[in-house]
Protein backbone atom coordinates (compact mmCIF):
# COMPACT_ATOMS: atom_id res chain seq x y z
CA UNK A 1 -229.91 19.88 -29.01
CA UNK A 2 -233.23 21.56 -29.70
CA UNK A 3 -233.19 24.13 -32.49
CA UNK A 4 -234.39 26.99 -30.27
CA UNK A 5 -231.87 26.26 -27.52
CA UNK A 6 -229.14 26.13 -30.15
CA UNK A 7 -230.08 29.56 -31.48
CA UNK A 8 -230.18 31.02 -27.97
CA UNK A 9 -226.80 29.50 -27.17
CA UNK A 10 -225.24 31.00 -30.28
CA UNK A 11 -226.43 34.57 -29.92
CA UNK A 12 -223.08 35.68 -28.47
CA UNK A 13 -221.06 34.23 -31.37
CA UNK A 14 -219.69 36.51 -34.06
CA UNK A 15 -221.61 36.04 -37.32
CA UNK A 16 -220.42 36.44 -40.86
CA UNK A 17 -222.05 38.79 -43.34
CA UNK A 18 -223.01 35.76 -45.42
CA UNK A 19 -226.63 35.21 -44.39
CA UNK A 20 -227.05 31.91 -42.58
CA UNK A 21 -223.59 30.67 -43.55
CA UNK A 22 -221.97 30.79 -40.13
CA UNK A 23 -224.86 29.40 -38.08
CA UNK A 24 -225.50 26.59 -40.56
CA UNK A 25 -221.91 25.35 -40.44
CA UNK A 26 -221.76 25.79 -36.67
CA UNK A 27 -224.98 23.85 -36.23
CA UNK A 28 -223.54 20.96 -38.27
CA UNK A 29 -220.56 20.97 -35.94
CA UNK A 30 -222.39 21.38 -32.63
CA UNK A 31 -225.48 19.28 -33.28
CA UNK A 32 -224.40 16.67 -35.84
CA UNK A 33 -220.71 16.57 -34.81
CA UNK A 34 -219.67 16.89 -38.46
CA UNK A 35 -216.90 19.23 -39.58
CA UNK A 36 -215.86 20.28 -43.07
CA UNK A 37 -212.13 20.41 -43.81
CA UNK A 38 -210.69 20.88 -47.27
CA UNK A 39 -214.18 20.63 -48.80
CA UNK A 40 -214.88 17.18 -47.26
CA UNK A 41 -217.06 16.25 -44.29
CA UNK A 42 -215.70 14.29 -41.33
CA UNK A 43 -217.74 12.68 -38.55
CA UNK A 44 -216.37 13.23 -35.06
CA UNK A 45 -216.36 10.69 -32.23
CA UNK A 46 -216.28 11.37 -28.51
CA UNK A 47 -212.92 10.79 -26.77
CA UNK A 48 -211.50 11.13 -23.26
CA UNK A 49 -208.64 13.47 -22.33
CA UNK A 50 -206.27 10.51 -22.01
CA UNK A 51 -207.26 9.11 -25.40
CA UNK A 52 -206.72 12.51 -26.97
CA UNK A 53 -203.34 12.87 -25.24
CA UNK A 54 -202.21 9.54 -26.69
CA UNK A 55 -203.40 10.60 -30.15
CA UNK A 56 -201.36 13.77 -29.90
CA UNK A 57 -198.23 11.74 -29.11
CA UNK A 58 -198.68 9.83 -32.37
CA UNK A 59 -197.93 11.12 -35.84
CA UNK A 60 -201.38 10.85 -37.44
CA UNK A 61 -203.05 14.21 -38.18
CA UNK A 62 -206.30 14.91 -36.42
CA UNK A 63 -208.93 17.48 -35.43
CA UNK A 64 -210.50 17.95 -32.00
CA UNK A 65 -213.63 19.93 -31.18
CA UNK A 66 -214.06 21.08 -27.56
CA UNK A 67 -217.75 21.22 -26.81
CA UNK A 68 -217.82 22.66 -23.29
CA UNK A 69 -216.44 19.71 -21.25
CA UNK A 70 -216.80 17.18 -24.07
CA UNK A 71 -214.06 16.33 -26.57
CA UNK A 72 -214.88 15.18 -30.11
CA UNK A 73 -212.19 13.91 -32.46
CA UNK A 74 -211.68 12.80 -36.06
CA UNK A 75 -208.64 11.61 -37.98
CA UNK A 76 -207.65 13.57 -41.08
CA UNK A 77 -206.28 11.75 -44.16
CA UNK A 78 -203.07 13.77 -44.48
CA UNK A 79 -201.19 16.64 -42.91
CA UNK A 80 -201.46 18.96 -45.92
CA UNK A 81 -205.18 19.77 -45.85
CA UNK A 82 -206.42 22.82 -43.94
CA UNK A 83 -209.43 25.05 -43.49
CA UNK A 84 -210.22 26.84 -46.72
CA UNK A 85 -210.84 30.58 -46.77
CA UNK A 86 -214.63 30.12 -46.93
CA UNK A 87 -214.53 27.70 -43.99
CA UNK A 88 -212.43 30.09 -41.92
CA UNK A 89 -214.93 32.88 -42.54
CA UNK A 90 -217.84 30.71 -41.45
CA UNK A 91 -216.04 29.76 -38.24
CA UNK A 92 -214.66 33.11 -37.11
CA UNK A 93 -211.79 33.04 -34.62
CA UNK A 94 -212.82 35.11 -31.58
CA UNK A 95 -209.22 35.88 -30.62
CA UNK A 96 -208.65 37.90 -33.78
CA UNK A 97 -210.67 38.77 -36.87
CA UNK A 98 -210.40 41.34 -39.66
CA UNK A 99 -211.52 44.28 -37.53
CA UNK A 100 -211.30 43.21 -33.89
CA UNK A 101 -209.14 41.22 -31.53
CA UNK A 102 -209.37 40.09 -27.92
CA UNK A 103 -207.77 42.53 -25.48
CA UNK A 104 -206.10 39.50 -23.82
CA UNK A 105 -204.36 38.38 -27.03
CA UNK A 106 -200.97 38.48 -25.34
CA UNK A 107 -198.45 36.18 -23.60
CA UNK A 108 -198.64 38.37 -20.50
CA UNK A 109 -199.62 36.64 -17.23
CA UNK A 110 -203.32 36.48 -16.38
CA UNK A 111 -205.49 38.48 -16.26
CA UNK A 112 -203.90 40.66 -18.96
CA UNK A 113 -202.76 37.74 -21.13
CA UNK A 114 -203.92 34.27 -22.12
CA UNK A 115 -202.56 30.74 -21.67
CA UNK A 116 -203.46 29.92 -25.29
CA UNK A 117 -200.89 32.50 -26.38
CA UNK A 118 -198.24 31.55 -23.82
CA UNK A 119 -198.26 27.81 -24.51
CA UNK A 120 -196.21 26.54 -27.46
CA UNK A 121 -197.64 24.15 -30.04
CA UNK A 122 -196.60 20.49 -29.95
CA UNK A 123 -194.57 20.72 -33.15
CA UNK A 124 -192.58 18.05 -34.99
CA UNK A 125 -189.32 18.69 -33.12
CA UNK A 126 -191.17 18.26 -29.82
CA UNK A 127 -192.79 15.00 -30.94
CA UNK A 128 -189.34 13.60 -31.76
CA UNK A 129 -187.84 14.63 -28.42
CA UNK A 130 -187.07 12.04 -25.74
CA UNK A 131 -189.06 14.29 -23.41
CA UNK A 132 -192.10 14.30 -25.71
CA UNK A 133 -194.58 13.24 -23.01
CA UNK A 134 -193.57 16.15 -20.79
CA UNK A 135 -193.47 18.56 -23.73
CA UNK A 136 -196.93 17.47 -24.88
CA UNK A 137 -198.24 17.97 -21.37
CA UNK A 138 -197.10 21.61 -21.23
CA UNK A 139 -197.93 22.38 -24.88
CA UNK A 140 -200.98 24.10 -26.34
CA UNK A 141 -203.94 21.71 -25.94
CA UNK A 142 -207.49 23.11 -25.97
CA UNK A 143 -208.69 20.48 -23.48
CA UNK A 144 -206.48 22.16 -20.83
CA UNK A 145 -208.39 25.42 -20.81
CA UNK A 146 -211.69 25.55 -18.93
CA UNK A 147 -212.32 29.08 -20.22
CA UNK A 148 -212.73 27.76 -23.79
CA UNK A 149 -216.37 26.78 -24.25
CA UNK A 150 -216.32 25.85 -27.96
CA UNK A 151 -213.06 25.54 -29.90
CA UNK A 152 -211.46 23.59 -32.75
CA UNK A 153 -207.83 22.53 -33.00
CA UNK A 154 -205.91 20.53 -35.59
CA UNK A 155 -202.65 18.83 -34.67
CA UNK A 156 -199.85 16.84 -36.30
CA UNK A 157 -200.46 18.95 -39.41
CA UNK A 158 -197.97 20.95 -41.46
CA UNK A 159 -200.01 23.99 -40.47
CA UNK A 160 -201.82 23.42 -37.18
CA UNK A 161 -204.92 25.52 -36.56
CA UNK A 162 -206.78 26.83 -33.52
CA UNK A 163 -210.29 28.30 -33.79
CA UNK A 164 -211.90 29.72 -30.66
CA UNK A 165 -215.66 29.94 -31.19
CA UNK A 166 -216.76 30.78 -27.64
CA UNK A 167 -214.58 31.84 -24.71
CA UNK A 168 -215.44 32.93 -21.16
CA UNK A 169 -212.44 35.28 -21.05
CA UNK A 170 -212.90 36.92 -24.45
CA UNK A 171 -213.02 40.70 -24.35
CA UNK A 172 -213.40 42.09 -27.86
CA UNK A 173 -211.60 45.29 -28.73
CA UNK A 174 -211.78 47.32 -31.93
CA UNK A 175 -208.16 48.37 -31.49
CA UNK A 176 -205.80 45.86 -33.09
CA UNK A 177 -202.08 45.85 -32.12
CA UNK A 178 -201.15 47.54 -35.43
CA UNK A 179 -203.42 50.47 -34.51
CA UNK A 180 -201.93 51.08 -31.06
CA UNK A 181 -199.76 54.10 -30.43
CA UNK A 182 -195.99 53.53 -30.34
CA UNK A 183 -195.69 53.70 -26.55
CA UNK A 184 -198.43 51.13 -25.99
CA UNK A 185 -196.99 48.76 -28.60
CA UNK A 186 -193.50 49.01 -27.07
CA UNK A 187 -194.90 48.14 -23.64
CA UNK A 188 -196.46 44.95 -25.06
CA UNK A 189 -193.26 44.02 -26.93
CA UNK A 190 -191.20 44.41 -23.76
CA UNK A 191 -193.72 42.41 -21.71
CA UNK A 192 -193.52 39.53 -24.20
CA UNK A 193 -189.70 39.65 -24.33
CA UNK A 194 -189.45 39.45 -20.54
CA UNK A 195 -190.77 35.88 -20.69
CA UNK A 196 -187.46 34.97 -22.38
CA UNK A 197 -185.16 37.48 -20.72
CA UNK A 198 -186.21 39.13 -17.42
CA UNK A 199 -183.48 41.77 -17.86
CA UNK A 200 -185.23 43.38 -20.84
CA UNK A 201 -186.53 46.77 -19.74
CA UNK A 202 -187.02 48.62 -23.03
CA UNK A 203 -187.25 47.88 -26.77
CA UNK A 204 -183.67 48.98 -27.38
CA UNK A 205 -182.49 46.16 -25.11
CA UNK A 206 -183.71 43.70 -27.74
CA UNK A 207 -181.16 44.90 -30.29
CA UNK A 208 -178.41 42.88 -28.64
CA UNK A 209 -180.07 39.67 -29.79
CA UNK A 210 -179.31 40.66 -33.40
CA UNK A 211 -175.79 41.96 -32.78
CA UNK A 212 -172.84 39.62 -33.52
CA UNK A 213 -171.09 38.29 -30.44
CA UNK A 214 -167.36 39.15 -30.28
């Protein structure tokens, strides 16, 4: 990718206050297909959706970078390493940052919510299930979502990670859930709970989940 086209393509990305830090690391990822994890660099290789699906079914930890319709993958040496604080700051997560979050950061149905929130991660207990192929198919997998333009995901890790760098559906809001008024927060809590129990109508209905059954 030409330098100028890269800069034009990245103008809508959130930048860090560290001058040049974010764009430099992003350019290494987008242009050179090299990612830094745990202070070490890893070269990514292009894979198909089926190849990536088979890798997810295994137990080896890995990282996938969704570059529009392309998928780039690298193995990671162990499941304990993760993005360091400096690396997380240089690759800001569009869904939620220190001061803003996406207004669709919810498990509500579209268009209010997002499939990335609704889908469950393919965790260890799912990998060991006899229905693991089906569970992997319905789990969180960034290659499933056409609205994600650029995104990073680690899997088969002790702490899996998802970083959304560019999203067609992202709608940034300066009001985080903790800053909402009580009525608005309760509406969102009830909406989330109704995915598990359609009979929940108000927050007080949730108390029965914590009450001992006689």
